[in-house]
Amino acid sequence: MNVEYEEFDNVEDMFMYLASVAPPMKNTMPINSYKGYVCSFIPLNPTGGDTYLMLYAKGELENGIHEFDVVSKSITKVEAVERADKQYFISITPKRNTIADKAIEQI
C-alpha cells in the first residue's frame, strides 16, 4: 500500500479543500476522527490500485453530522442534512482502521 499525504493546519481548511473538490450534487462526505487525527482517504487509482491520498489535520470531531459553511469556514454539529447550499461531513470513529494505522505510522 502506498499513501500520499496532504496535511492541513486545521479541520476547517481540510473541509474547505474537500468542499471544493466534491462533485456539485453530492454534499455529504464521510470523515474519520481517529487517533488524534481528522482524516479522509481518497483512492488515487480509480481502477482499484493500492495508492491513497490521506488528507488530514490534527484534531478530533464528535461522531455525527457536521454542517460546513464555506463562506465563514465554520463547522456546526447538526441533527440532519437540511440545506443544499451547505456541505455536510459525517464523522465516524472506527474501532480500527488499518489504512489509517499504516498511514499514521509513516507520518
C-alpha atoms as a PDB file:
ATOM      1  CA  MET A   1       0.000   0.000   0.000  1.00  0.00           C
ATOM      2  CA  ASN A   2       1.269   3.451  -0.917  1.00  0.00           C
ATOM      3  CA  VAL A   3      -0.028   6.564   0.835  1.00  0.00           C
ATOM      4  CA  GLU A   4       0.493  10.161  -0.235  1.00  0.00           C
ATOM      5  CA  TYR A   5      -0.227  12.905   2.292  1.00  0.00           C
ATOM      6  CA  GLU A   6      -1.739  16.343   2.365  1.00  0.00           C
ATOM      7  CA  GLU A   7      -1.582  17.978   5.803  1.00  0.00           C
ATOM      8  CA  PHE A   8      -3.717  20.943   6.833  1.00  0.00           C
ATOM      9  CA  ASP A   9      -3.267  23.369   9.740  1.00  0.00           C
ATOM     10  CA  ASN A  10      -6.829  22.797  10.926  1.00  0.00           C
ATOM     11  CA  VAL A  11     -10.010  20.868  10.201  1.00  0.00           C
ATOM     12  CA  GLU A  12     -11.706  23.919   8.641  1.00  0.00           C
ATOM     13  CA  ASP A  13      -9.010  24.189   5.966  1.00  0.00           C
ATOM     14  CA  MET A  14      -9.309  20.468   5.228  1.00  0.00           C
ATOM     15  CA  PHE A  15     -13.094  20.801   4.900  1.00  0.00           C
ATOM     16  CA  MET A  16     -12.611  23.785   2.568  1.00  0.00           C
ATOM     17  CA  TYR A  17     -10.421  21.627   0.320  1.00  0.00           C
ATOM     18  CA  LEU A  18     -12.869  18.721   0.366  1.00  0.00           C
ATOM     19  CA  ALA A  19     -15.826  21.025  -0.327  1.00  0.00           C
ATOM     20  CA  SER A  20     -14.063  22.413  -3.374  1.00  0.00           C
ATOM     21  CA  VAL A  21     -13.305  19.017  -4.921  1.00  0.00           C
ATOM     22  CA  ALA A  22     -16.621  17.312  -4.107  1.00  0.00           C
ATOM     23  CA  PRO A  23     -18.984  16.749  -7.026  1.00  0.00           C
ATOM     24  CA  PRO A  24     -21.573  19.561  -7.089  1.00  0.00           C
ATOM     25  CA  MET A  25     -24.551  17.271  -6.474  1.00  0.00           C
ATOM     26  CA  LYS A  26     -23.006  15.406  -3.541  1.00  0.00           C
ATOM     27  CA  ASN A  27     -22.979  17.465  -0.390  1.00  0.00           C
ATOM     28  CA  THR A  28     -22.212  14.734   2.196  1.00  0.00           C
ATOM     29  CA  MET A  29     -18.846  13.076   2.737  1.00  0.00           C
ATOM     30  CA  PRO A  30     -17.580  10.608   5.350  1.00  0.00           C
ATOM     31  CA  ILE A  31     -14.694  11.692   7.591  1.00  0.00           C
ATOM     32  CA  ASN A  32     -12.744   9.659  10.139  1.00  0.00           C
ATOM     33  CA  SER A  33     -11.875  11.012  13.554  1.00  0.00           C
ATOM     34  CA  TYR A  34      -9.183   8.535  14.532  1.00  0.00           C
ATOM     35  CA  LYS A  35      -6.248   8.535  16.954  1.00  0.00           C
ATOM     36  CA  GLY A  36      -5.994  12.322  17.212  1.00  0.00           C
ATOM     37  CA  TYR A  37      -6.464  12.996  13.501  1.00  0.00           C
ATOM     38  CA  VAL A  38      -9.425  14.033  11.385  1.00  0.00           C
ATOM     39  CA  CYS A  39      -8.788  12.396   8.039  1.00  0.00           C
ATOM     40  CA  SER A  40     -10.193  11.326   4.720  1.00  0.00           C
ATOM     41  CA  PHE A  41      -8.775   8.779   2.293  1.00  0.00           C
ATOM     42  CA  ILE A  42      -9.129   9.197  -1.444  1.00  0.00           C
ATOM     43  CA  PRO A  43      -8.108   6.346  -3.760  1.00  0.00           C
ATOM     44  CA  LEU A  44      -5.752   7.756  -6.385  1.00  0.00           C
ATOM     45  CA  ASN A  45      -6.154   4.833  -8.753  1.00  0.00           C
ATOM     46  CA  PRO A  46      -9.838   4.553  -9.745  1.00  0.00           C
ATOM     47  CA  THR A  47      -9.394   1.010 -11.057  1.00  0.00           C
ATOM     48  CA  GLY A  48      -8.683  -0.448  -7.628  1.00  0.00           C
ATOM     49  CA  GLY A  49      -4.994   0.214  -7.062  1.00  0.00           C
ATOM     50  CA  ASP A  50      -3.418   0.476  -3.667  1.00  0.00           C
ATOM     51  CA  THR A  51      -2.433   4.161  -3.674  1.00  0.00           C
ATOM     52  CA  TYR A  52      -4.364   6.559  -1.430  1.00  0.00           C
ATOM     53  CA  LEU A  53      -4.229  10.255  -0.685  1.00  0.00           C
ATOM     54  CA  MET A  54      -4.623  10.906   3.037  1.00  0.00           C
ATOM     55  CA  LEU A  55      -5.972  14.363   3.780  1.00  0.00           C
ATOM     56  CA  TYR A  56      -5.584  15.134   7.452  1.00  0.00           C
ATOM     57  CA  ALA A  57      -5.406  17.658  10.251  1.00  0.00           C
ATOM     58  CA  LYS A  58      -4.638  17.052  13.887  1.00  0.00           C
ATOM     59  CA  GLY A  59      -7.786  17.190  15.963  1.00  0.00           C
ATOM     60  CA  GLU A  60     -10.983  15.353  16.764  1.00  0.00           C
ATOM     61  CA  LEU A  61     -14.604  15.577  15.706  1.00  0.00           C
ATOM     62  CA  GLU A  62     -17.558  14.243  17.610  1.00  0.00           C
ATOM     63  CA  ASN A  63     -19.416  11.433  15.804  1.00  0.00           C
ATOM     64  CA  GLY A  64     -22.369  12.647  13.782  1.00  0.00           C
ATOM     65  CA  ILE A  65     -23.312  15.117  11.063  1.00  0.00           C
ATOM     66  CA  HIS A  66     -21.310  18.329  10.780  1.00  0.00           C
ATOM     67  CA  GLU A  67     -22.505  21.207   8.607  1.00  0.00           C
ATOM     68  CA  PHE A  68     -19.723  23.216   6.981  1.00  0.00           C
ATOM     69  CA  ASP A  69     -20.280  26.753   5.749  1.00  0.00           C
ATOM     70  CA  VAL A  70     -17.682  27.600   3.087  1.00  0.00           C
ATOM     71  CA  VAL A  71     -18.141  31.387   3.372  1.00  0.00           C
ATOM     72  CA  SER A  72     -17.493  31.624   7.124  1.00  0.00           C
ATOM     73  CA  LYS A  73     -15.376  28.431   7.360  1.00  0.00           C
ATOM     74  CA  SER A  74     -17.495  27.349  10.333  1.00  0.00           C
ATOM     75  CA  ILE A  75     -18.375  23.828  11.435  1.00  0.00           C
ATOM     76  CA  THR A  76     -21.620  23.148  13.286  1.00  0.00           C
ATOM     77  CA  LYS A  77     -22.826  19.770  14.578  1.00  0.00           C
ATOM     78  CA  VAL A  78     -26.398  19.235  13.345  1.00  0.00           C
ATOM     79  CA  GLU A  79     -29.083  16.562  13.571  1.00  0.00           C
ATOM     80  CA  ALA A  80     -29.906  16.296   9.850  1.00  0.00           C
ATOM     81  CA  VAL A  81     -28.812  17.236   6.352  1.00  0.00           C
ATOM     82  CA  GLU A  82     -31.162  20.133   5.640  1.00  0.00           C
ATOM     83  CA  ARG A  83     -29.688  22.637   3.188  1.00  0.00           C
ATOM     84  CA  ALA A  84     -28.468  22.198  -0.371  1.00  0.00           C
ATOM     85  CA  ASP A  85     -26.158  25.215  -0.086  1.00  0.00           C
ATOM     86  CA  LYS A  86     -24.065  23.661   2.721  1.00  0.00           C
ATOM     87  CA  GLN A  87     -21.538  20.838   2.755  1.00  0.00           C
ATOM     88  CA  TYR A  88     -22.053  18.058   5.269  1.00  0.00           C
ATOM     89  CA  PHE A  89     -19.454  15.735   6.705  1.00  0.00           C
ATOM     90  CA  ILE A  90     -20.404  12.550   8.502  1.00  0.00           C
ATOM     91  CA  SER A  91     -17.821  11.987  11.215  1.00  0.00           C
ATOM     92  CA  ILE A  92     -17.230   8.446  12.385  1.00  0.00           C
ATOM     93  CA  THR A  93     -14.695   6.999  14.786  1.00  0.00           C
ATOM     94  CA  PRO A  94     -13.860   3.479  13.663  1.00  0.00           C
ATOM     95  CA  LYS A  95     -12.750   0.946  16.237  1.00  0.00           C
ATOM     96  CA  ARG A  96      -9.924   0.003  13.884  1.00  0.00           C
ATOM     97  CA  ASN A  97      -8.790   1.417  10.553  1.00  0.00           C
ATOM     98  CA  THR A  98      -5.887  -0.500   9.013  1.00  0.00           C
ATOM     99  CA  ILE A  99      -5.295   2.034   6.224  1.00  0.00           C
ATOM    100  CA  ALA A 100      -5.155   4.879   8.769  1.00  0.00           C
ATOM    101  CA  ASP A 101      -2.920   2.862  11.097  1.00  0.00           C
ATOM    102  CA  LYS A 102      -0.371   2.281   8.317  1.00  0.00           C
ATOM    103  CA  ALA A 103      -0.576   5.878   7.130  1.00  0.00           C
ATOM    104  CA  ILE A 104      -0.212   7.365  10.633  1.00  0.00           C
ATOM    105  CA  GLU A 105       2.768   5.121  11.259  1.00  0.00           C
ATOM    106  CA  GLN A 106       4.533   6.757   8.286  1.00  0.00           C
ATOM    107  CA  ILE A 107       3.767  10.388   9.199  1.00  0.00           C
END
